C-alpha atoms as a PDB file:
ATOM      1  CA  MET A   1       0.019   0.009   0.158  1.00  0.00           C
ATOM      2  CA  CYS A   2       3.045   2.431   0.479  1.00  0.00           C
ATOM      3  CA  SER A   3       5.738   3.415  -1.872  1.00  0.00           C
ATOM      4  CA  MET A   4       8.520   5.785  -1.149  1.00  0.00           C
ATOM      5  CA  ALA A   5       9.669   8.025  -3.981  1.00  0.00           C
ATOM      6  CA  ARG A   6      13.463   7.808  -2.998  1.00  0.00           C
ATOM      7  CA  GLN A   7      13.569   4.208  -1.994  1.00  0.00           C
ATOM      8  CA  LYS A   8      12.815   1.003  -3.928  1.00  0.00           C
ATOM      9  CA  LYS A   9       8.975   1.229  -4.806  1.00  0.00           C
ATOM     10  CA  THR A  10       6.672  -1.264  -2.799  1.00  0.00           C
ATOM     11  CA  LEU A  11       2.833  -2.426  -2.526  1.00  0.00           C
ATOM     12  CA  ILE A  12       3.062  -3.275   1.214  1.00  0.00           C
ATOM     13  CA  CYS A  13       1.637  -1.157   4.006  1.00  0.00           C
ATOM     14  CA  PRO A  14       3.537  -0.601   7.123  1.00  0.00           C
ATOM     15  CA  ILE A  15       1.591  -3.012   8.860  1.00  0.00           C
ATOM     16  CA  GLY A  16      -1.009  -5.831   7.719  1.00  0.00           C
ATOM     17  CA  GLY A  17       0.269  -6.797   4.485  1.00  0.00           C
ATOM     18  CA  GLY A  18       3.944  -7.086   5.362  1.00  0.00           C
ATOM     19  CA  GLY A  19       6.370  -4.735   6.890  1.00  0.00           C
ATOM     20  CA  VAL A  20       5.270  -4.197  10.477  1.00  0.00           C
ATOM     21  CA  GLY A  21       3.456  -7.274  10.322  1.00  0.00           C
ATOM     22  CA  GLY A  22       5.226 -10.678  12.071  1.00  0.00           C
ATOM     23  CA  LYS A  23       5.177 -11.842  15.613  1.00  0.00           C
ATOM     24  CA  TRP A  24       8.243 -10.016  17.225  1.00  0.00           C
ATOM     25  CA  LYS A  25       7.480  -6.893  15.636  1.00  0.00           C
ATOM     26  CA  PHE A  26       4.108  -6.844  17.027  1.00  0.00           C
ATOM     27  CA  TRP A  27       5.179  -7.345  20.763  1.00  0.00           C
ATOM     28  CA  ILE A  28       8.278  -5.199  20.431  1.00  0.00           C
ATOM     29  CA  MET A  29       5.589  -2.337  19.521  1.00  0.00           C
ATOM     30  CA  TYR A  30       3.281  -3.674  22.490  1.00  0.00           C
ATOM     31  CA  GLN A  31       6.046  -3.590  24.925  1.00  0.00           C
ATOM     32  CA  LEU A  32       7.005   0.008  24.184  1.00  0.00           C
ATOM     33  CA  LEU A  33       3.327   0.952  24.693  1.00  0.00           C
ATOM     34  CA  ASN A  34       4.579   0.901  28.358  1.00  0.00           C
ATOM     35  CA  GLY A  35       7.403   3.382  27.913  1.00  0.00           C
ATOM     36  CA  PRO A  36      11.010   3.392  26.416  1.00  0.00           C
ATOM     37  CA  LYS A  37      12.938   0.468  26.646  1.00  0.00           C
ATOM     38  CA  ARG A  38      16.681  -0.524  26.672  1.00  0.00           C
ATOM     39  CA  PHE A  39      18.074  -3.089  24.000  1.00  0.00           C
ATOM     40  CA  GLY A  40      18.644  -5.275  27.379  1.00  0.00           C
ATOM     41  CA  GLU A  41      15.402  -4.954  28.648  1.00  0.00           C
ATOM     42  CA  LEU A  42      13.902  -6.113  25.408  1.00  0.00           C
ATOM     43  CA  GLN A  43      16.059  -9.013  25.507  1.00  0.00           C
ATOM     44  CA  ARG A  44      14.876 -10.214  29.074  1.00  0.00           C
ATOM     45  CA  LEU A  45      11.326  -9.814  27.564  1.00  0.00           C
ATOM     46  CA  PHE A  46      11.773 -11.818  24.819  1.00  0.00           C
ATOM     47  CA  PRO A  47      14.377 -14.483  25.848  1.00  0.00           C
ATOM     48  CA  GLN A  48      13.017 -16.698  22.929  1.00  0.00           C
ATOM     49  CA  VAL A  49      14.678 -14.250  20.120  1.00  0.00           C
ATOM     50  CA  SER A  50      18.318 -13.782  19.318  1.00  0.00           C
ATOM     51  CA  ARG A  51      20.168 -11.007  19.647  1.00  0.00           C
ATOM     52  CA  GLN A  52      20.828 -10.556  15.596  1.00  0.00           C
ATOM     53  CA  MET A  53      16.946 -11.063  15.262  1.00  0.00           C
ATOM     54  CA  LEU A  54      16.027  -8.624  18.005  1.00  0.00           C
ATOM     55  CA  THR A  55      18.677  -5.962  16.327  1.00  0.00           C
ATOM     56  CA  ILE A  56      16.912  -6.617  12.858  1.00  0.00           C
ATOM     57  CA  GLN A  57      13.501  -6.362  14.104  1.00  0.00           C
ATOM     58  CA  LEU A  58      14.469  -2.949  15.842  1.00  0.00           C
ATOM     59  CA  ARG A  59      16.146  -1.874  12.903  1.00  0.00           C
ATOM     60  CA  GLU A  60      13.256  -2.114  10.558  1.00  0.00           C
ATOM     61  CA  LEU A  61      10.865  -0.588  12.866  1.00  0.00           C
ATOM     62  CA  GLU A  62      13.058   2.492  12.967  1.00  0.00           C
ATOM     63  CA  GLN A  63      13.537   2.668   9.208  1.00  0.00           C
ATOM     64  CA  ILE A  64       9.734   2.987   8.447  1.00  0.00           C
ATOM     65  CA  GLY A  65       9.135   5.268  11.623  1.00  0.00           C
ATOM     66  CA  ILE A  66       7.350   3.229  13.780  1.00  0.00           C
ATOM     67  CA  LEU A  67      10.268   3.837  16.506  1.00  0.00           C
ATOM     68  CA  SER A  68      12.990   6.117  17.534  1.00  0.00           C
ATOM     69  CA  ARG A  69      16.317   5.174  19.057  1.00  0.00           C
ATOM     70  CA  HIS A  70      17.610   7.707  21.569  1.00  0.00           C
ATOM     71  CA  VAL A  71      21.539   7.712  22.336  1.00  0.00           C
ATOM     72  CA  TYR A  72      22.504   9.222  25.765  1.00  0.00           C
ATOM     73  CA  LEU A  73      26.056  10.460  25.869  1.00  0.00           C
ATOM     74  CA  GLN A  74      27.288   9.032  28.795  1.00  0.00           C
ATOM     75  CA  VAL A  75      29.655   6.029  29.809  1.00  0.00           C
ATOM     76  CA  PRO A  76      28.643   3.449  29.444  1.00  0.00           C
ATOM     77  CA  PRO A  77      26.372   4.686  26.482  1.00  0.00           C
ATOM     78  CA  LYS A  78      22.727   4.251  26.980  1.00  0.00           C
ATOM     79  CA  VAL A  79      20.281   3.408  24.320  1.00  0.00           C
ATOM     80  CA  GLU A  80      16.640   3.710  24.372  1.00  0.00           C
ATOM     81  CA  TYR A  81      13.920   2.742  21.941  1.00  0.00           C
ATOM     82  CA  ARG A  82      10.435   4.449  22.136  1.00  0.00           C
ATOM     83  CA  LEU A  83       7.445   4.492  19.883  1.00  0.00           C
ATOM     84  CA  SER A  84       7.206   7.447  17.592  1.00  0.00           C
ATOM     85  CA  GLU A  85       4.190   9.599  17.223  1.00  0.00           C
ATOM     86  CA  VAL A  86       3.420   7.229  14.190  1.00  0.00           C
ATOM     87  CA  GLY A  87       3.701   4.143  16.529  1.00  0.00           C
ATOM     88  CA  GLN A  88       1.890   5.516  19.206  1.00  0.00           C
ATOM     89  CA  ARG A  89      -1.118   6.166  17.315  1.00  0.00           C
ATOM     90  CA  LEU A  90      -1.171   2.147  16.721  1.00  0.00           C
ATOM     91  CA  GLU A  91      -1.972   1.886  20.593  1.00  0.00           C
ATOM     92  CA  PRO A  92      -5.880   1.110  19.797  1.00  0.00           C
ATOM     93  CA  ILE A  93      -4.887  -1.557  17.045  1.00  0.00           C
ATOM     94  CA  LEU A  94      -2.286  -3.272  19.257  1.00  0.00           C
ATOM     95  CA  ARG A  95      -4.629  -3.676  22.216  1.00  0.00           C
ATOM     96  CA  GLN A  96      -7.337  -4.768  19.917  1.00  0.00           C
ATOM     97  CA  MET A  97      -4.754  -7.538  18.261  1.00  0.00           C
ATOM     98  CA  VAL A  98      -4.007  -8.624  21.859  1.00  0.00           C
ATOM     99  CA  SER A  99      -7.558  -8.940  22.580  1.00  0.00           C
ATOM    100  CA  TRP A 100      -8.346 -10.885  19.189  1.00  0.00           C
ATOM    101  CA  ASP A 101      -5.431 -13.297  19.869  1.00  0.00           C
ATOM    102  CA  LYS A 102      -6.727 -14.210  23.164  1.00  0.00           C
ATOM    103  CA  SER A 103     -10.224 -15.170  21.101  1.00  0.00           C
ATOM    104  CA  TYR A 104      -7.938 -16.777  18.367  1.00  0.00           C
ATOM    105  CA  SER A 105      -5.865 -19.096  21.098  1.00  0.00           C
ATOM    106  CA  GLY A 106      -9.020 -19.998  22.900  1.00  0.00           C
ATOM    107  CA  GLN A 107     -10.119 -21.929  19.782  1.00  0.00           C
ATOM    108  CA  GLY A 108      -7.241 -24.510  20.738  1.00  0.00           C
ATOM    109  CA  ASN A 109      -4.872 -26.692  18.312  1.00  0.00           C
ATOM    110  CA  GLN A 110      -4.047 -23.667  15.851  1.00  0.00           C
ATOM    111  CA  GLU A 111      -1.785 -24.924  13.300  1.00  0.00           C
ATOM    112  CA  VAL A 112      -0.608 -21.234  12.329  1.00  0.00           C
ATOM    113  CA  ASP A 113       0.495 -18.459  14.090  1.00  0.00           C
ATOM    114  CA  TRP A 114      -1.565 -15.749  12.985  1.00  0.00           C
ATOM    115  CA  LEU A 115       0.626 -12.894  13.775  1.00  0.00           C
ATOM    116  CA  ILE A 116       3.499 -14.638  11.608  1.00  0.00           C
ATOM    117  CA  SER A 117       0.975 -15.125   8.967  1.00  0.00           C
ATOM    118  CA  LEU A 118      -0.760 -11.695   8.956  1.00  0.00           C
ATOM    119  CA  GLY A 119       2.944 -10.319   8.485  1.00  0.00           C
ATOM    120  CA  GLY A 120       3.067 -11.659   5.097  1.00  0.00           C
ATOM    121  CA  ARG A 121       2.072  -9.465   1.995  1.00  0.00           C
ATOM    122  CA  TRP A 122      -1.021 -11.209   1.004  1.00  0.00           C
ATOM    123  CA  THR A 123      -2.931 -12.796   4.174  1.00  0.00           C
ATOM    124  CA  PHE A 124      -4.187  -9.301   5.165  1.00  0.00           C
ATOM    125  CA  TRP A 125      -5.580  -8.515   1.585  1.00  0.00           C
ATOM    126  CA  ILE A 126      -7.390 -11.814   0.919  1.00  0.00           C
ATOM    127  CA  TRP A 127      -8.743 -11.870   4.489  1.00  0.00           C
ATOM    128  CA  TYR A 128      -9.805  -8.289   4.114  1.00  0.00           C
ATOM    129  CA  ARG A 129     -11.588  -8.636   0.710  1.00  0.00           C
ATOM    130  CA  LEU A 130     -13.735 -11.671   2.179  1.00  0.00           C
ATOM    131  CA  PHE A 131     -15.456  -9.163   4.383  1.00  0.00           C
ATOM    132  CA  SER A 132     -17.528  -8.128   1.656  1.00  0.00           C
ATOM    133  CA  GLY A 133     -18.959 -11.846   1.275  1.00  0.00           C
ATOM    134  CA  PRO A 134     -18.174 -15.089  -0.115  1.00  0.00           C
ATOM    135  CA  LYS A 135     -15.712 -15.333  -3.334  1.00  0.00           C
ATOM    136  CA  ARG A 136     -14.700 -17.932  -5.771  1.00  0.00           C
ATOM    137  CA  PHE A 137     -11.002 -18.572  -6.602  1.00  0.00           C
ATOM    138  CA  GLY A 138     -11.399 -16.656  -9.722  1.00  0.00           C
ATOM    139  CA  GLU A 139     -12.904 -13.601  -8.247  1.00  0.00           C
ATOM    140  CA  LEU A 140     -10.104 -13.008  -5.659  1.00  0.00           C
ATOM    141  CA  GLN A 141      -7.547 -13.556  -8.658  1.00  0.00           C
ATOM    142  CA  GLU A 142      -9.354 -10.641 -10.312  1.00  0.00           C
ATOM    143  CA  LEU A 143      -9.347  -8.481  -6.866  1.00  0.00           C
ATOM    144  CA  LEU A 144      -6.058  -9.250  -6.625  1.00  0.00           C
ATOM    145  CA  PRO A 145      -4.302  -9.320  -9.819  1.00  0.00           C
ATOM    146  CA  GLN A 146      -0.818  -9.182  -8.557  1.00  0.00           C
ATOM    147  CA  ILE A 147      -0.865 -12.352  -6.762  1.00  0.00           C
ATOM    148  CA  SER A 148       0.290 -15.679  -8.590  1.00  0.00           C
ATOM    149  CA  GLN A 149      -2.413 -18.527  -8.711  1.00  0.00           C
ATOM    150  CA  HIS A 150       0.180 -20.938  -6.380  1.00  0.00           C
ATOM    151  CA  MET A 151       0.428 -18.354  -3.707  1.00  0.00           C
ATOM    152  CA  LEU A 152      -3.234 -17.576  -3.430  1.00  0.00           C
ATOM    153  CA  ILE A 153      -3.712 -21.278  -2.947  1.00  0.00           C
ATOM    154  CA  LEU A 154      -1.335 -21.439  -0.526  1.00  0.00           C
ATOM    155  CA  LYS A 155      -2.555 -18.410   1.598  1.00  0.00           C
ATOM    156  CA  LEU A 156      -6.232 -19.558   0.985  1.00  0.00           C
ATOM    157  CA  ARG A 157      -5.253 -23.121   2.617  1.00  0.00           C
ATOM    158  CA  GLU A 158      -3.295 -21.464   5.258  1.00  0.00           C
ATOM    159  CA  LEU A 159      -6.101 -19.258   6.335  1.00  0.00           C
ATOM    160  CA  GLU A 160      -8.295 -22.325   6.208  1.00  0.00           C
ATOM    161  CA  GLN A 161      -5.768 -23.836   8.815  1.00  0.00           C
ATOM    162  CA  MET A 162      -6.248 -20.779  10.788  1.00  0.00           C
ATOM    163  CA  ASN A 163     -10.038 -21.335  10.857  1.00  0.00           C
ATOM    164  CA  VAL A 164     -10.688 -18.034   9.822  1.00  0.00           C
ATOM    165  CA  VAL A 165     -11.560 -19.037   6.137  1.00  0.00           C
ATOM    166  CA  GLN A 166     -13.983 -22.001   4.966  1.00  0.00           C
ATOM    167  CA  ARG A 167     -14.817 -23.333   1.735  1.00  0.00           C
ATOM    168  CA  ARG A 168     -18.358 -23.798   0.567  1.00  0.00           C
ATOM    169  CA  ILE A 169     -19.209 -26.383  -2.343  1.00  0.00           C
ATOM    170  CA  SER A 170     -22.555 -26.015  -4.025  1.00  0.00           C
ATOM    171  CA  GLY A 171     -24.790 -29.236  -4.582  1.00  0.00           C
ATOM    172  CA  GLN A 172     -25.218 -28.275  -8.423  1.00  0.00           C
ATOM    173  CA  LYS A 173     -23.142 -29.459 -11.251  1.00  0.00           C
ATOM    174  CA  PRO A 174     -20.746 -27.996 -12.294  1.00  0.00           C
ATOM    175  CA  PHE A 175     -19.681 -27.783  -8.616  1.00  0.00           C
ATOM    176  CA  LYS A 176     -18.988 -24.061  -7.483  1.00  0.00           C
ATOM    177  CA  VAL A 177     -16.429 -23.372  -4.582  1.00  0.00           C
ATOM    178  CA  GLU A 178     -16.710 -20.421  -2.929  1.00  0.00           C
ATOM    179  CA  TYR A 179     -14.180 -19.177   0.109  1.00  0.00           C
ATOM    180  CA  MET A 180     -16.003 -17.574   3.153  1.00  0.00           C
ATOM    181  CA  LEU A 181     -15.160 -16.231   6.598  1.00  0.00           C
ATOM    182  CA  THR A 182     -15.695 -18.286   9.425  1.00  0.00           C
ATOM    183  CA  LYS A 183     -17.141 -16.622  12.418  1.00  0.00           C
ATOM    184  CA  LEU A 184     -14.011 -16.428  13.826  1.00  0.00           C
ATOM    185  CA  GLY A 185     -12.600 -14.541  10.671  1.00  0.00           C
ATOM    186  CA  TYR A 186     -15.676 -12.322  10.682  1.00  0.00           C
ATOM    187  CA  SER A 187     -14.758 -11.175  14.308  1.00  0.00           C
ATOM    188  CA  ALA A 188     -11.679  -9.604  13.367  1.00  0.00           C
ATOM    189  CA  GLU A 189     -13.672  -7.065  10.863  1.00  0.00           C
ATOM    190  CA  SER A 190     -13.324  -3.661  13.171  1.00  0.00           C
ATOM    191  CA  LEU A 191      -9.570  -4.645  13.881  1.00  0.00           C
ATOM    192  CA  PHE A 192      -8.592  -4.959  10.085  1.00  0.00           C
ATOM    193  CA  GLN A 193     -10.788  -1.737   9.496  1.00  0.00           C
ATOM    194  CA  GLN A 194      -8.612   0.305  11.870  1.00  0.00           C
ATOM    195  CA  ILE A 195      -5.265  -1.150  10.589  1.00  0.00           C
ATOM    196  CA  TYR A 196      -6.471   0.009   6.768  1.00  0.00           C
ATOM    197  CA  ALA A 197      -7.400   3.452   8.002  1.00  0.00           C
ATOM    198  CA  TRP A 198      -4.001   3.473  10.162  1.00  0.00           C
ATOM    199  CA  GLY A 199      -2.322   2.647   7.129  1.00  0.00           C
ATOM    200  CA  GLN A 200      -3.478   5.673   5.362  1.00  0.00           C
ATOM    201  CA  TRP A 201      -2.799   7.966   7.991  1.00  0.00           C
ATOM    202  CA  THR A 202       0.608   6.450   8.323  1.00  0.00           C
ATOM    203  CA  CYS A 203       1.317   7.025   4.513  1.00  0.00           C
ATOM    204  CA  ASP A 204       0.240  10.794   4.843  1.00  0.00           C
ATOM    205  CA  GLN A 205       2.684  11.336   8.019  1.00  0.00           C
ATOM    206  CA  LEU A 206       5.668   9.751   6.278  1.00  0.00           C
ATOM    207  CA  GLY A 207       5.437  11.254   2.991  1.00  0.00           C
ATOM    208  CA  LEU A 208       4.304   8.036   1.008  1.00  0.00           C
ATOM    209  CA  VAL A 209       1.982   7.153  -1.692  1.00  0.00           C
ATOM    210  CA  TYR A 210      -0.890   5.260  -0.388  1.00  0.00           C
ATOM    211  CA  GLU A 211      -1.431   2.329  -2.959  1.00  0.00           C
ATOM    212  CA  GLY A 212      -2.905  -1.196  -2.688  1.00  0.00           C
ATOM    213  CA  PRO A 213      -2.975  -4.304  -4.485  1.00  0.00           C
ATOM    214  CA  VAL A 214      -6.593  -4.990  -3.560  1.00  0.00           C
ATOM    215  CA  MET A 215      -9.110  -4.042  -6.462  1.00  0.00           C
ATOM    216  CA  ASP A 216     -12.925  -3.021  -5.996  1.00  0.00           C
ATOM    217  CA  GLU A 217     -15.411  -4.535  -8.219  1.00  0.00           C
ATOM    218  CA  ALA A 218     -15.247  -1.202 -10.515  1.00  0.00           C
ATOM    219  CA  GLY A 219     -11.404  -1.618 -10.997  1.00  0.00           C
ATOM    220  CA  GLY A 220     -10.459   1.134  -8.461  1.00  0.00           C
ATOM    221  CA  TYR A 221      -8.635   0.949  -5.264  1.00  0.00           C
ATOM    222  CA  VAL A 222     -10.817  -0.093  -1.968  1.00  0.00           C
ATOM    223  CA  ARG A 223     -11.287   3.003   0.183  1.00  0.00           C
ATOM    224  CA  GLN A 224     -12.797   2.876   3.736  1.00  0.00           C
ATOM    225  CA  ALA A 225     -15.813   5.067   4.428  1.00  0.00           C
END
């Protein structure tokens, strides 16, 4: 959804569709809601994450303007990470994601980590398009013209494993297969609307062009009212 004029163009929004998506970036942002943290503090909060991975995640969040790094001129040097103004605007979304995560985890036996999946480019957009109703495979291809057939198959299968999408097969011949959201999938609608609106606002703040691979039925980009 966002492309920066002086950098390599991308159609990936800062969150929900790549960029800020992903498990550890989410939890880093969530922890920073409580105030600045030093690198060591974040390491203690995420013992499962290697030092190298944490460094990469922090650097990427800093590069897109979600957090800032403050270096204090003292001995030994002290470095703190804190959310930027853009990152602070994420608070309602982050807290709603935690709430939805509890609902998702409560379903039990989940095969896919939804936070990691949501960090991919297409998971968000397929899920987002299904809020308007069931879609056949060909319809999703038309609405997401940049996704390959193979990738669409993989992502739909992943969403089914997450129990947020299900297939509906008509009894008529030739058989018609439609993909539709489950009750769990529909429960994330307000969250996705907030993510979409935040993406638009973020692009404005960072001087990015707001684009999206999601096309509506008339051929234009989807816009939230």
